[in-house]
Amino acid sequence: MLRPIRKIHITSDFEKGLGKLPVNLRKLVAKRDQWFRANAMDSRLRAHPLKGELNGYWSYSVNYHLRILFRFIQKDEVIYYDLGTHEIYR
């Protein structure tokens, strides 16, 4: 199912997390962001809804360890809340 994203809002937590990453990982985040904007449900991203206290939030994988925590505002608009390892879920 194709689900393009028109607009992404970014929180200060996301900006801080991105700024702490080495350049090679920032480039990888940018690449995955392109995929996400083209199709939020791209299977390579392994996007999935979260459960429990984070019900209503979603996550997608940048690589094996790095995740982006986000939420849909509308079907084509999201907020990036944070990025990091599975620790961002706590």
Protein backbone atom coordinates (compact mmCIF):
# COMPACT_ATOMS: atom_id res chain seq x y z
CA MET A 1 0.00 0.00 0.00
CA LEU A 2 1.52 3.31 -1.09
CA ARG A 3 1.35 5.97 1.62
CA PRO A 4 3.36 9.11 0.71
CA ILE A 5 4.10 11.65 3.44
CA ARG A 6 3.57 15.30 2.54
CA LYS A 7 4.86 16.97 5.71
CA ILE A 8 7.07 15.99 8.65
CA HIS A 9 7.28 18.03 11.85
CA ILE A 10 10.40 17.56 13.97
CA THR A 11 10.68 17.88 17.75
CA SER A 12 13.72 19.22 19.60
CA ASP A 13 14.37 15.72 21.00
CA PHE A 14 14.63 14.39 17.46
CA GLU A 15 16.97 17.23 16.45
CA LYS A 16 19.20 16.59 19.49
CA GLY A 17 19.35 12.87 18.77
CA LEU A 18 20.17 13.47 15.14
CA GLY A 19 22.89 15.96 16.04
CA LYS A 20 24.61 13.39 18.29
CA LEU A 21 24.92 10.84 15.49
CA PRO A 22 28.10 10.41 13.47
CA VAL A 23 27.98 11.70 9.89
CA ASN A 24 27.60 8.23 8.34
CA LEU A 25 24.47 7.53 10.43
CA ARG A 26 23.03 10.97 9.67
CA LYS A 27 23.36 10.13 5.97
CA LEU A 28 21.60 6.82 6.57
CA VAL A 29 18.78 8.61 8.44
CA ALA A 30 18.42 11.00 5.48
CA LYS A 31 18.19 8.04 3.07
CA ARG A 32 15.55 6.28 5.18
CA ASP A 33 13.66 9.57 5.50
CA GLN A 34 13.49 9.74 1.69
CA TRP A 35 12.04 6.23 1.60
CA PHE A 36 9.57 7.16 4.35
CA ARG A 37 8.42 10.31 2.55
CA ALA A 38 7.87 8.35 -0.66
CA ASN A 39 5.97 5.57 1.13
CA ALA A 40 5.60 5.38 4.91
CA MET A 41 4.72 1.70 4.59
CA ASP A 42 7.83 0.76 2.59
CA SER A 43 8.61 -2.77 3.80
CA ARG A 44 12.35 -1.97 4.05
CA LEU A 45 11.56 0.40 6.94
CA ARG A 46 9.63 -2.18 8.98
CA ALA A 47 7.23 0.55 10.18
CA HIS A 48 4.87 -0.66 12.86
CA PRO A 49 2.44 0.72 15.44
CA LEU A 50 3.51 0.57 19.07
CA LYS A 51 1.51 -0.84 21.97
CA GLY A 52 1.01 -0.12 25.63
CA GLU A 53 1.96 3.33 26.88
CA LEU A 54 3.06 4.28 23.35
CA ASN A 55 -0.25 3.30 21.76
CA GLY A 56 -0.88 5.73 18.88
CA TYR A 57 2.83 6.07 18.10
CA TRP A 58 4.73 4.30 15.36
CA SER A 59 8.34 3.37 14.78
CA TYR A 60 10.49 2.56 11.77
CA SER A 61 14.00 1.16 11.49
CA VAL A 62 16.96 3.13 10.20
CA ASN A 63 19.25 0.14 10.75
CA TYR A 64 19.32 -2.86 13.10
CA HIS A 65 19.72 -0.68 16.21
CA LEU A 66 18.45 2.79 15.30
CA ARG A 67 14.73 3.62 15.27
CA ILE A 68 12.63 6.71 14.57
CA LEU A 69 9.62 7.28 16.83
CA PHE A 70 6.78 9.12 15.11
CA ARG A 71 3.03 9.68 15.07
CA PHE A 72 0.58 10.33 12.27
CA ILE A 73 -1.24 13.67 12.55
CA GLN A 74 -3.07 13.05 9.31
CA LYS A 75 -2.67 10.26 6.79
CA ASP A 76 0.08 12.23 4.99
CA GLU A 77 1.55 14.24 7.88
CA VAL A 78 3.66 13.04 10.82
CA ILE A 79 5.70 14.23 13.78
CA TYR A 80 9.16 12.76 14.35
CA TYR A 81 9.46 12.63 18.16
CA ASP A 82 12.78 10.94 18.77
CA LEU A 83 15.40 8.63 17.37
CA GLY A 84 17.69 6.13 19.00
CA THR A 85 17.85 2.53 20.11
CA HIS A 86 14.94 0.69 21.73
CA GLU A 87 15.59 2.95 24.74
CA ILE A 88 13.42 5.63 23.08
CA TYR A 89 10.40 3.49 23.91
CA ARG A 90 10.93 4.07 27.64
